[in-house]
Amino acid sequence: MAGKSQRRIAKEVGLARDTVTKVLSQPEVMALLQEYRTEALALARPALIYLGNTLLTKTGKVRTRGIDWKMCIEILKGTQVLVNRMDAEITQKPG
Protein backbone atom coordinates (compact mmCIF):
# COMPACT_ATOMS: atom_id res chain seq x y z
CA MET A 1 0.00 0.00 0.00
CA ALA A 2 3.09 2.19 0.03
CA GLY A 3 2.63 5.51 -1.70
CA LYS A 4 -1.13 5.19 -1.96
CA SER A 5 -3.54 7.68 -0.48
CA GLN A 6 -5.76 6.66 2.40
CA ARG A 7 -8.77 7.18 0.12
CA ARG A 8 -7.35 4.74 -2.43
CA ILE A 9 -6.45 2.18 0.24
CA ALA A 10 -9.97 2.40 1.67
CA LYS A 11 -11.49 1.83 -1.74
CA GLU A 12 -9.20 -1.11 -2.55
CA VAL A 13 -9.77 -2.96 0.74
CA GLY A 14 -13.43 -1.97 1.08
CA LEU A 15 -13.17 -0.03 4.34
CA ALA A 16 -14.22 3.46 5.37
CA ARG A 17 -11.50 6.12 5.20
CA ASP A 18 -11.84 6.74 8.95
CA THR A 19 -11.10 3.06 9.59
CA VAL A 20 -8.01 3.18 7.36
CA THR A 21 -6.85 6.31 9.16
CA LYS A 22 -7.26 4.62 12.56
CA VAL A 23 -5.40 1.50 11.46
CA LEU A 24 -2.52 3.44 9.90
CA SER A 25 -2.15 5.60 13.01
CA GLN A 26 -1.78 2.61 15.36
CA PRO A 27 1.60 2.55 17.14
CA GLU A 28 2.46 -0.87 15.67
CA VAL A 29 1.86 0.35 12.14
CA MET A 30 3.78 3.58 12.79
CA ALA A 31 6.73 1.56 14.17
CA LEU A 32 6.68 -0.72 11.14
CA LEU A 33 6.63 2.25 8.77
CA GLN A 34 9.56 3.81 10.62
CA GLU A 35 11.48 0.55 10.31
CA TYR A 36 10.83 0.51 6.56
CA ARG A 37 11.97 4.13 6.28
CA THR A 38 15.18 3.31 8.14
CA GLU A 39 15.85 0.39 5.79
CA ALA A 40 15.12 2.56 2.75
CA LEU A 41 17.47 5.31 3.99
CA ALA A 42 20.21 2.72 4.46
CA LEU A 43 19.85 1.88 0.76
CA ALA A 44 20.16 5.50 -0.38
CA ARG A 45 23.96 5.72 -0.24
CA PRO A 46 24.61 2.39 -2.06
CA ALA A 47 22.00 3.40 -4.65
CA LEU A 48 23.74 6.73 -5.24
CA ILE A 49 27.11 5.00 -5.52
CA TYR A 50 25.64 2.56 -8.03
CA LEU A 51 24.08 5.46 -9.90
CA GLY A 52 27.42 7.25 -10.05
CA ASN A 53 29.23 4.13 -11.24
CA THR A 54 26.56 3.52 -13.86
CA LEU A 55 26.49 7.09 -15.14
CA LEU A 56 30.19 7.86 -15.20
CA THR A 57 33.08 6.28 -17.04
CA LYS A 58 36.38 5.63 -15.25
CA THR A 59 37.56 9.01 -16.50
CA GLY A 60 34.53 10.78 -15.01
CA LYS A 61 32.65 11.44 -18.25
CA VAL A 62 28.89 10.89 -18.43
CA ARG A 63 27.91 7.76 -20.33
CA THR A 64 25.44 8.27 -23.16
CA ARG A 65 24.44 4.67 -23.93
CA GLY A 66 22.64 2.02 -21.94
CA ILE A 67 21.53 4.32 -19.14
CA ASP A 68 18.11 3.92 -17.52
CA TRP A 69 17.50 7.63 -17.06
CA LYS A 70 14.06 7.09 -15.53
CA MET A 71 15.63 4.97 -12.77
CA CYS A 72 18.27 7.64 -12.20
CA ILE A 73 15.69 10.39 -11.88
CA GLU A 74 13.53 8.31 -9.52
CA ILE A 75 16.54 7.61 -7.26
CA LEU A 76 17.34 11.31 -7.12
CA LYS A 77 13.69 12.17 -6.40
CA GLY A 78 13.56 9.55 -3.66
CA THR A 79 16.62 11.00 -1.97
CA GLN A 80 15.02 14.43 -2.38
CA VAL A 81 17.97 15.68 -4.39
CA LEU A 82 15.46 16.65 -7.05
CA VAL A 83 12.40 18.56 -5.94
CA ASN A 84 9.63 19.99 -8.04
CA ARG A 85 9.52 23.71 -8.69
CA MET A 86 6.73 24.38 -6.17
CA ASP A 87 8.62 22.61 -3.36
CA ALA A 88 11.77 24.56 -4.23
CA GLU A 89 9.88 27.87 -4.14
CA ILE A 90 8.28 27.04 -0.79
CA THR A 91 11.69 26.08 0.66
CA GLN A 92 13.32 29.26 -0.60
CA LYS A 93 10.67 31.71 0.63
CA PRO A 94 11.96 33.94 3.43
CA GLY A 95 10.47 32.94 6.78
PDB file of N, CA and C in Angstrom:
ATOM      1  N   MET A   1       0.813  -1.194   0.000  1.00  0.00           N
ATOM      2  CA  MET A   1       0.000   0.000   0.000  1.00  0.00           C
ATOM      3  C   MET A   1       0.859   1.262   0.000  1.00  0.00           C
ATOM      4  N   ALA A   2       2.175   1.057  -0.037  1.00  0.00           N
ATOM      5  CA  ALA A   2       3.089   2.192   0.030  1.00  0.00           C
ATOM      6  C   ALA A   2       2.829   3.184  -1.087  1.00  0.00           C
ATOM      7  N   GLY A   3       2.797   4.445  -0.729  1.00  0.00           N
ATOM      8  CA  GLY A   3       2.634   5.508  -1.699  1.00  0.00           C
ATOM      9  C   GLY A   3       1.188   5.772  -2.109  1.00  0.00           C
ATOM     10  N   LYS A   4       0.272   4.994  -1.599  1.00  0.00           N
ATOM     11  CA  LYS A   4      -1.133   5.187  -1.955  1.00  0.00           C
ATOM     12  C   LYS A   4      -1.804   6.085  -0.925  1.00  0.00           C
ATOM     13  N   SER A   5      -2.786   6.823  -1.388  1.00  0.00           N
ATOM     14  CA  SER A   5      -3.539   7.683  -0.479  1.00  0.00           C
ATOM     15  C   SER A   5      -4.457   6.826   0.384  1.00  0.00           C
ATOM     16  N   GLN A   6      -4.845   7.382   1.521  1.00  0.00           N
ATOM     17  CA  GLN A   6      -5.758   6.658   2.402  1.00  0.00           C
ATOM     18  C   GLN A   6      -7.093   6.405   1.704  1.00  0.00           C
ATOM     19  N   ARG A   7      -7.515   7.338   0.881  1.00  0.00           N
ATOM     20  CA  ARG A   7      -8.768   7.177   0.123  1.00  0.00           C
ATOM     21  C   ARG A   7      -8.665   5.971  -0.808  1.00  0.00           C
ATOM     22  N   ARG A   8      -7.532   5.854  -1.501  1.00  0.00           N
ATOM     23  CA  ARG A   8      -7.348   4.738  -2.433  1.00  0.00           C
ATOM     24  C   ARG A   8      -7.257   3.406  -1.687  1.00  0.00           C
ATOM     25  N   ILE A   9      -6.541   3.395  -0.562  1.00  0.00           N
ATOM     26  CA  ILE A   9      -6.450   2.177   0.242  1.00  0.00           C
ATOM     27  C   ILE A   9      -7.843   1.746   0.696  1.00  0.00           C
ATOM     28  N   ALA A  10      -8.619   2.697   1.196  1.00  0.00           N
ATOM     29  CA  ALA A  10      -9.969   2.398   1.675  1.00  0.00           C
ATOM     30  C   ALA A  10     -10.814   1.778   0.566  1.00  0.00           C
ATOM     31  N   LYS A  11     -10.708   2.336  -0.611  1.00  0.00           N
ATOM     32  CA  LYS A  11     -11.487   1.828  -1.739  1.00  0.00           C
ATOM     33  C   LYS A  11     -11.044   0.414  -2.117  1.00  0.00           C
ATOM     34  N   GLU A  12      -9.723   0.191  -2.143  1.00  0.00           N
ATOM     35  CA  GLU A  12      -9.200  -1.114  -2.550  1.00  0.00           C
ATOM     36  C   GLU A  12      -9.527  -2.220  -1.553  1.00  0.00           C
ATOM     37  N   VAL A  13      -9.506  -1.915  -0.268  1.00  0.00           N
ATOM     38  CA  VAL A  13      -9.774  -2.956   0.739  1.00  0.00           C
ATOM     39  C   VAL A  13     -11.217  -2.960   1.221  1.00  0.00           C
ATOM     40  N   GLY A  14     -12.003  -1.998   0.755  1.00  0.00           N
ATOM     41  CA  GLY A  14     -13.425  -1.972   1.082  1.00  0.00           C
ATOM     42  C   GLY A  14     -13.733  -1.512   2.497  1.00  0.00           C
ATOM     43  N   LEU A  15     -12.938  -0.578   3.006  1.00  0.00           N
ATOM     44  CA  LEU A  15     -13.166  -0.025   4.340  1.00  0.00           C
ATOM     45  C   LEU A  15     -13.446   1.465   4.243  1.00  0.00           C
ATOM     46  N   ALA A  16     -14.010   2.014   5.301  1.00  0.00           N
ATOM     47  CA  ALA A  16     -14.222   3.456   5.373  1.00  0.00           C
ATOM     48  C   ALA A  16     -12.869   4.147   5.551  1.00  0.00           C
ATOM     49  N   ARG A  17     -12.760   5.367   5.055  1.00  0.00           N
ATOM     50  CA  ARG A  17     -11.504   6.118   5.201  1.00  0.00           C
ATOM     51  C   ARG A  17     -11.127   6.313   6.664  1.00  0.00           C
ATOM     52  N   ASP A  18     -12.115   6.565   7.510  1.00  0.00           N
ATOM     53  CA  ASP A  18     -11.838   6.737   8.946  1.00  0.00           C
ATOM     54  C   ASP A  18     -11.190   5.485   9.527  1.00  0.00           C
ATOM     55  N   THR A  19     -11.659   4.326   9.094  1.00  0.00           N
ATOM     56  CA  THR A  19     -11.096   3.063   9.586  1.00  0.00           C
ATOM     57  C   THR A  19      -9.641   2.925   9.138  1.00  0.00           C
ATOM     58  N   VAL A  20      -9.384   3.236   7.879  1.00  0.00           N
ATOM     59  CA  VAL A  20      -8.012   3.175   7.358  1.00  0.00           C
ATOM     60  C   VAL A  20      -7.123   4.139   8.137  1.00  0.00           C
ATOM     61  N   THR A  21      -7.607   5.332   8.402  1.00  0.00           N
ATOM     62  CA  THR A  21      -6.850   6.313   9.164  1.00  0.00           C
ATOM     63  C   THR A  21      -6.509   5.779  10.545  1.00  0.00           C
ATOM     64  N   LYS A  22      -7.488   5.168  11.215  1.00  0.00           N
ATOM     65  CA  LYS A  22      -7.263   4.622  12.559  1.00  0.00           C
ATOM     66  C   LYS A  22      -6.234   3.506  12.528  1.00  0.00           C
ATOM     67  N   VAL A  23      -6.347   2.620  11.555  1.00  0.00           N
ATOM     68  CA  VAL A  23      -5.401   1.496  11.457  1.00  0.00           C
ATOM     69  C   VAL A  23      -3.994   2.011  11.198  1.00  0.00           C
ATOM     70  N   LEU A  24      -3.856   2.934  10.249  1.00  0.00           N
ATOM     71  CA  LEU A  24      -2.523   3.438   9.898  1.00  0.00           C
ATOM     72  C   LEU A  24      -1.893   4.276  11.006  1.00  0.00           C
ATOM     73  N   SER A  25      -2.700   4.792  11.922  1.00  0.00           N
ATOM     74  CA  SER A  25      -2.151   5.603  13.009  1.00  0.00           C
ATOM     75  C   SER A  25      -1.847   4.777  14.259  1.00  0.00           C
ATOM     76  N   GLN A  26      -2.090   3.473  14.215  1.00  0.00           N
ATOM     77  CA  GLN A  26      -1.783   2.606  15.355  1.00  0.00           C
ATOM     78  C   GLN A  26      -0.272   2.588  15.588  1.00  0.00           C
ATOM     79  N   PRO A  27       0.168   2.546  16.839  1.00  0.00           N
ATOM     80  CA  PRO A  27       1.599   2.550  17.142  1.00  0.00           C
ATOM     81  C   PRO A  27       2.382   1.431  16.451  1.00  0.00           C
ATOM     82  N   GLU A  28       1.765   0.253  16.320  1.00  0.00           N
ATOM     83  CA  GLU A  28       2.464  -0.868  15.669  1.00  0.00           C
ATOM     84  C   GLU A  28       2.722  -0.566  14.197  1.00  0.00           C
ATOM     85  N   VAL A  29       1.719   0.013  13.552  1.00  0.00           N
ATOM     86  CA  VAL A  29       1.861   0.354  12.139  1.00  0.00           C
ATOM     87  C   VAL A  29       2.887   1.473  11.974  1.00  0.00           C
ATOM     88  N   MET A  30       2.824   2.474  12.845  1.00  0.00           N
ATOM     89  CA  MET A  30       3.783   3.583  12.790  1.00  0.00           C
ATOM     90  C   MET A  30       5.212   3.067  12.987  1.00  0.00           C
ATOM     91  N   ALA A  31       5.398   2.137  13.917  1.00  0.00           N
ATOM     92  CA  ALA A  31       6.726   1.565  14.170  1.00  0.00           C
ATOM     93  C   ALA A  31       7.210   0.784  12.956  1.00  0.00           C
ATOM     94  N   LEU A  32       6.314   0.041  12.334  1.00  0.00           N
ATOM     95  CA  LEU A  32       6.681  -0.720  11.144  1.00  0.00           C
ATOM     96  C   LEU A  32       7.073   0.212  10.002  1.00  0.00           C
ATOM     97  N   LEU A  33       6.303   1.276   9.809  1.00  0.00           N
ATOM     98  CA  LEU A  33       6.630   2.249   8.770  1.00  0.00           C
ATOM     99  C   LEU A  33       7.988   2.901   9.029  1.00  0.00           C
ATOM    100  N   GLN A  34       8.277   3.219  10.285  1.00  0.00           N
ATOM    101  CA  GLN A  34       9.564   3.814  10.623  1.00  0.00           C
ATOM    102  C   GLN A  34      10.700   2.835  10.331  1.00  0.00           C
ATOM    103  N   GLU A  35      10.468   1.568  10.608  1.00  0.00           N
ATOM    104  CA  GLU A  35      11.479   0.548  10.313  1.00  0.00           C
ATOM    105  C   GLU A  35      11.739   0.478   8.810  1.00  0.00           C
ATOM    106  N   TYR A  36      10.675   0.526   8.023  1.00  0.00           N
ATOM    107  CA  TYR A  36      10.833   0.506   6.562  1.00  0.00           C
ATOM    108  C   TYR A  36      11.582   1.747   6.076  1.00  0.00           C
ATOM    109  N   ARG A  37      11.271   2.902   6.666  1.00  0.00           N
ATOM    110  CA  ARG A  37      11.971   4.133   6.276  1.00  0.00           C
ATOM    111  C   ARG A  37      13.460   4.033   6.591  1.00  0.00           C
ATOM    112  N   THR A  38      13.785   3.477   7.745  1.00  0.00           N
ATOM    113  CA  THR A  38      15.185   3.313   8.139  1.00  0.00           C
ATOM    114  C   THR A  38      15.906   2.402   7.149  1.00  0.00           C
ATOM    115  N   GLU A  39      15.254   1.296   6.774  1.00  0.00           N
ATOM    116  CA  GLU A  39      15.850   0.386   5.794  1.00  0.00           C
ATOM    117  C   GLU A  39      16.031   1.077   4.441  1.00  0.00           C
ATOM    118  N   ALA A  40      15.033   1.863   4.036  1.00  0.00           N
ATOM    119  CA  ALA A  40      15.125   2.563   2.754  1.00  0.00           C
ATOM    120  C   ALA A  40      16.252   3.593   2.771  1.00  0.00           C
ATOM    121  N   LEU A  41      16.391   4.314   3.874  1.00  0.00           N
ATOM    122  CA  LEU A  41      17.470   5.305   3.987  1.00  0.00           C
ATOM    123  C   LEU A  41      18.839   4.640   3.933  1.00  0.00           C
ATOM    124  N   ALA A  42      18.944   3.444   4.496  1.00  0.00           N
ATOM    125  CA  ALA A  42      20.215   2.720   4.457  1.00  0.00           C
ATOM    126  C   ALA A  42      20.584   2.338   3.021  1.00  0.00           C
ATOM    127  N   LEU A  43      19.595   2.217   2.161  1.00  0.00           N
ATOM    128  CA  LEU A  43      19.848   1.878   0.759  1.00  0.00           C
ATOM    129  C   LEU A  43      20.200   3.094  -0.095  1.00  0.00           C
ATOM    130  N   ALA A  44      19.960   4.294   0.416  1.00  0.00           N
ATOM    131  CA  ALA A  44      20.165   5.502  -0.381  1.00  0.00           C
ATOM    132  C   ALA A  44      21.620   5.658  -0.813  1.00  0.00           C
ATOM    133  N   ARG A  45      22.550   5.531   0.113  1.00  0.00           N
ATOM    134  CA  ARG A  45      23.964   5.724  -0.241  1.00  0.00           C
ATOM    135  C   ARG A  45      24.437   4.686  -1.261  1.00  0.00           C
ATOM    136  N   PRO A  46      24.203   3.365  -1.033  1.00  0.00           N
ATOM    137  CA  PRO A  46      24.610   2.394  -2.060  1.00  0.00           C
ATOM    138  C   PRO A  46      23.951   2.657  -3.416  1.00  0.00           C
ATOM    139  N   ALA A  47      22.686   3.112  -3.385  1.00  0.00           N
ATOM    140  CA  ALA A  47      21.997   3.400  -4.646  1.00  0.00           C
ATOM    141  C   ALA A  47      22.655   4.568  -5.373  1.00  0.00           C
ATOM    142  N   LEU A  48      23.063   5.587  -4.622  1.00  0.00           N
ATOM    143  CA  LEU A  48      23.739   6.732  -5.243  1.00  0.00           C
ATOM    144  C   LEU A  48      25.117   6.346  -5.772  1.00  0.00           C
ATOM    145  N   ILE A  49      25.809   5.479  -5.046  1.00  0.00           N
ATOM    146  CA  ILE A  49      27.111   5.002  -5.523  1.00  0.00           C
ATOM    147  C   ILE A  49      26.928   4.219  -6.814  1.00  0.00           C
ATOM    148  N   TYR A  50      25.935   3.331  -6.822  1.00  0.00           N
ATOM    149  CA  TYR A  50      25.640   2.563  -8.032  1.00  0.00           C
ATOM    150  C   TYR A  50      25.290   3.499  -9.179  1.00  0.00           C
ATOM    151  N   LEU A  51      24.475   4.486  -8.882  1.00  0.00           N
ATOM    152  CA  LEU A  51      24.077   5.457  -9.896  1.00  0.00           C
ATOM    153  C   LEU A  51      25.302   6.159 -10.473  1.00  0.00           C
ATOM    154  N   GLY A  52      26.192   6.594  -9.587  1.00  0.00           N
ATOM    155  CA  GLY A  52      27.417   7.253 -10.047  1.00  0.00           C
ATOM    156  C   GLY A  52      28.272   6.340 -10.896  1.00  0.00           C
ATOM    157  N   ASN A  53      28.430   5.083 -10.470  1.00  0.00           N
ATOM    158  CA  ASN A  53      29.230   4.129 -11.237  1.00  0.00           C
ATOM    159  C   ASN A  53      28.595   3.809 -12.578  1.00  0.00           C
ATOM    160  N   THR A  54      27.273   3.810 -12.615  1.00  0.00           N
ATOM    161  CA  THR A  54      26.555   3.519 -13.856  1.00  0.00           C
ATOM    162  C   THR A  54      26.628   4.696 -14.819  1.00  0.00           C
ATOM    163  N   LEU A  55      26.540   5.898 -14.294  1.00  0.00           N
ATOM    164  CA  LEU A  55      26.491   7.087 -15.143  1.00  0.00           C
ATOM    165  C   LEU A  55      27.848   7.541 -15.654  1.00  0.00           C
ATOM    166  N   LEU A  56      28.879   7.302 -14.859  1.00  0.00           N
ATOM    167  CA  LEU A  56      30.190   7.856 -15.197  1.00  0.00           C
ATOM    168  C   LEU A  56      31.165   6.783 -15.655  1.00  0.00           C
ATOM    169  N   THR A  57      31.994   7.160 -16.624  1.00  0.00           N
ATOM    170  CA  THR A  57      33.077   6.277 -17.039  1.00  0.00           C
ATOM    171  C   THR A  57      34.203   6.392 -16.016  1.00  0.00           C
ATOM    172  N   LYS A  58      35.243   5.578 -16.179  1.00  0.00           N
ATOM    173  CA  LYS A  58      36.380   5.630 -15.251  1.00  0.00           C
ATOM    174  C   LYS A  58      37.081   6.978 -15.287  1.00  0.00           C
ATOM    175  N   THR A  59      36.932   7.693 -16.384  1.00  0.00           N
ATOM    176  CA  THR A  59      37.562   9.011 -16.499  1.00  0.00           C
ATOM    177  C   THR A  59      36.645  10.133 -16.018  1.00  0.00           C
ATOM    178  N   GLY A  60      35.438   9.778 -15.553  1.00  0.00           N
ATOM    179  CA  GLY A  60      34.528  10.777 -15.009  1.00  0.00           C
ATOM    180  C   GLY A  60      33.590  11.403 -16.015  1.00  0.00           C
ATOM    181  N   LYS A  61      33.572  10.905 -17.249  1.00  0.00           N
ATOM    182  CA  LYS A  61      32.648  11.436 -18.253  1.00  0.00           C
ATOM    183  C   LYS A  61      31.302  10.730 -18.142  1.00  0.00           C
ATOM    184  N   VAL A  62      30.242  11.454 -18.486  1.00  0.00           N
ATOM    185  CA  VAL A  62      28.894  10.890 -18.430  1.00  0.00           C
ATOM    186  C   VAL A  62      28.690   9.937 -19.596  1.00  0.00           C
ATOM    187  N   ARG A  63      28.215   8.732 -19.283  1.00  0.00           N
ATOM    188  CA  ARG A  63      27.908   7.756 -20.334  1.00  0.00           C
ATOM    189  C   ARG A  63      26.662   8.215 -21.095  1.00  0.00           C
ATOM    190  N   THR A  64      26.595   7.879 -22.358  1.00  0.00           N
ATOM    191  CA  THR A  64      25.438   8.273 -23.159  1.00  0.00           C
ATOM    192  C   THR A  64      24.620   7.075 -23.626  1.00  0.00           C
ATOM    193  N   ARG A  65      25.151   5.864 -23.469  1.00  0.00           N
ATOM    194  CA  ARG A  65      24.436   4.675 -23.932  1.00  0.00           C
ATOM    195  C   ARG A  65      24.131   3.739 -22.760  1.00  0.00           C
ATOM    196  N   GLY A  66      22.994   3.054 -22.890  1.00  0.00           N
ATOM    197  CA  GLY A  66      22.642   2.018 -21.939  1.00  0.00           C
ATOM    198  C   GLY A  66      22.285   2.511 -20.550  1.00  0.00           C
ATOM    199  N   ILE A  67      21.863   3.758 -20.437  1.00  0.00           N
ATOM    200  CA  ILE A  67      21.529   4.321 -19.138  1.00  0.00           C
ATOM    201  C   ILE A  67      20.007   4.335 -18.973  1.00  0.00           C
ATOM    202  N   ASP A  68      19.534   3.854 -17.845  1.00  0.00           N
ATOM    203  CA  ASP A  68      18.108   3.918 -17.524  1.00  0.00           C
ATOM    204  C   ASP A  68      17.873   5.252 -16.818  1.00  0.00           C
ATOM    205  N   TRP A  69      17.624   6.285 -17.599  1.00  0.00           N
ATOM    206  CA  TRP A  69      17.503   7.634 -17.057  1.00  0.00           C
ATOM    207  C   TRP A  69      16.305   7.760 -16.122  1.00  0.00           C
ATOM    208  N   LYS A  70      15.228   7.028 -16.403  1.00  0.00           N
ATOM    209  CA  LYS A  70      14.063   7.090 -15.527  1.00  0.00           C
ATOM    210  C   LYS A  70      14.435   6.597 -14.129  1.00  0.00           C
ATOM    211  N   MET A  71      15.186   5.488 -14.063  1.00  0.00           N
ATOM    212  CA  MET A  71      15.631   4.973 -12.769  1.00  0.00           C
ATOM    213  C   MET A  71      16.499   6.004 -12.055  1.00  0.00           C
ATOM    214  N   CYS A  72      17.388   6.635 -12.783  1.00  0.00           N
ATOM    215  CA  CYS A  72      18.273   7.639 -12.199  1.00  0.00           C
ATOM    216  C   CYS A  72      17.479   8.797 -11.606  1.00  0.00           C
ATOM    217  N   ILE A  73      16.515   9.276 -12.348  1.00  0.00           N
ATOM    218  CA  ILE A  73      15.685  10.390 -11.878  1.00  0.00           C
ATOM    219  C   ILE A  73      14.888   9.981 -10.645  1.00  0.00           C
ATOM    220  N   GLU A  74      14.329   8.778 -10.658  1.00  0.00           N
ATOM    221  CA  GLU A  74      13.535   8.313  -9.517  1.00  0.00           C
ATOM    222  C   GLU A  74      14.395   8.163  -8.262  1.00  0.00           C
ATOM    223  N   ILE A  75      15.633   7.702  -8.413  1.00  0.00           N
ATOM    224  CA  ILE A  75      16.539   7.607  -7.264  1.00  0.00           C
ATOM    225  C   ILE A  75      16.811   8.999  -6.713  1.00  0.00           C
ATOM    226  N   LEU A  76      17.071   9.946  -7.575  1.00  0.00           N
ATOM    227  CA  LEU A  76      17.342  11.306  -7.119  1.00  0.00           C
ATOM    228  C   LEU A  76      16.103  11.942  -6.483  1.00  0.00           C
ATOM    229  N   LYS A  77      14.924  11.661  -7.021  1.00  0.00           N
ATOM    230  CA  LYS A  77      13.692  12.166  -6.399  1.00  0.00           C
ATOM    231  C   LYS A  77      13.515  11.556  -5.019  1.00  0.00           C
ATOM    232  N   GLY A  78      13.738  10.257  -4.925  1.00  0.00           N
ATOM    233  CA  GLY A  78      13.556   9.553  -3.663  1.00  0.00           C
ATOM    234  C   GLY A  78      14.487  10.040  -2.567  1.00  0.00           C
ATOM    235  N   THR A  79      15.677  10.460  -2.952  1.00  0.00           N
ATOM    236  CA  THR A  79      16.618  10.995  -1.970  1.00  0.00           C
ATOM    237  C   THR A  79      16.395  12.487  -1.754  1.00  0.00           C
ATOM    238  N   GLN A  80      15.406  13.027  -2.436  1.00  0.00           N
ATOM    239  CA  GLN A  80      15.019  14.429  -2.379  1.00  0.00           C
ATOM    240  C   GLN A  80      16.130  15.363  -2.861  1.00  0.00           C
ATOM    241  N   VAL A  81      16.980  14.839  -3.730  1.00  0.00           N
ATOM    242  CA  VAL A  81      17.970  15.684  -4.390  1.00  0.00           C
ATOM    243  C   VAL A  81      17.248  16.541  -5.425  1.00  0.00           C
ATOM    244  N   LEU A  82      16.281  15.920  -6.095  1.00  0.00           N
ATOM    245  CA  LEU A  82      15.463  16.652  -7.054  1.00  0.00           C
ATOM    246  C   LEU A  82      14.119  16.948  -6.412  1.00  0.00           C
ATOM    247  N   VAL A  83      13.712  18.183  -6.449  1.00  0.00           N
ATOM    248  CA  VAL A  83      12.397  18.563  -5.944  1.00  0.00           C
ATOM    249  C   VAL A  83      11.672  19.308  -7.046  1.00  0.00           C
ATOM    250  N   ASN A  84      10.355  19.274  -6.995  1.00  0.00           N
ATOM    251  CA  ASN A  84       9.633  19.995  -8.038  1.00  0.00           C
ATOM    252  C   ASN A  84       9.719  21.495  -7.778  1.00  0.00           C
ATOM    253  N   ARG A  85       9.369  22.260  -8.755  1.00  0.00           N
ATOM    254  CA  ARG A  85       9.518  23.710  -8.694  1.00  0.00           C
ATOM    255  C   ARG A  85       8.757  24.313  -7.516  1.00  0.00           C
ATOM    256  N   MET A  86       7.529  23.829  -7.262  1.00  0.00           N
ATOM    257  CA  MET A  86       6.726  24.381  -6.170  1.00  0.00           C
ATOM    258  C   MET A  86       7.411  24.134  -4.817  1.00  0.00           C
ATOM    259  N   ASP A  87       7.931  22.914  -4.608  1.00  0.00           N
ATOM    260  CA  ASP A  87       8.623  22.613  -3.357  1.00  0.00           C
ATOM    261  C   ASP A  87       9.858  23.499  -3.200  1.00  0.00           C
ATOM    262  N   ALA A  88      10.573  23.725  -4.276  1.00  0.00           N
ATOM    263  CA  ALA A  88      11.769  24.561  -4.232  1.00  0.00           C
ATOM    264  C   ALA A  88      11.393  25.995  -3.869  1.00  0.00           C
ATOM    265  N   GLU A  89      10.309  26.501  -4.432  1.00  0.00           N
ATOM    266  CA  GLU A  89       9.878  27.865  -4.142  1.00  0.00           C
ATOM    267  C   GLU A  89       9.439  28.004  -2.694  1.00  0.00           C
ATOM    268  N   ILE A  90       8.735  27.007  -2.178  1.00  0.00           N
ATOM    269  CA  ILE A  90       8.283  27.036  -0.791  1.00  0.00           C
ATOM    270  C   ILE A  90       9.493  27.036   0.142  1.00  0.00           C
ATOM    271  N   THR A  91      10.481  26.188  -0.167  1.00  0.00           N
ATOM    272  CA  THR A  91      11.685  26.080   0.657  1.00  0.00           C
ATOM    273  C   THR A  91      12.484  27.376   0.661  1.00  0.00           C
ATOM    274  N   GLN A  92      12.487  28.076  -0.469  1.00  0.00           N
ATOM    275  CA  GLN A  92      13.321  29.262  -0.601  1.00  0.00           C
ATOM    276  C   GLN A  92      12.650  30.541  -0.132  1.00  0.00           C
ATOM    277  N   LYS A  93      11.364  30.502   0.190  1.00  0.00           N
ATOM    278  CA  LYS A  93      10.674  31.708   0.628  1.00  0.00           C
ATOM    279  C   LYS A  93      11.225  32.146   1.968  1.00  0.00           C
ATOM    280  N   PRO A  94      11.459  33.454   2.131  1.00  0.00           N
ATOM    281  CA  PRO A  94      11.962  33.937   3.432  1.00  0.00           C
ATOM    282  C   PRO A  94      10.911  33.707   4.507  1.00  0.00           C
ATOM    283  N   GLY A  95      11.395  33.275   5.703  1.00  0.00           N
ATOM    284  CA  GLY A  95      10.472  32.939   6.780  1.00  0.00           C
ATOM    285  C   GLY A  95      10.220  34.086   7.647  1.00  0.00           C
TER     286      GLY A  95
END
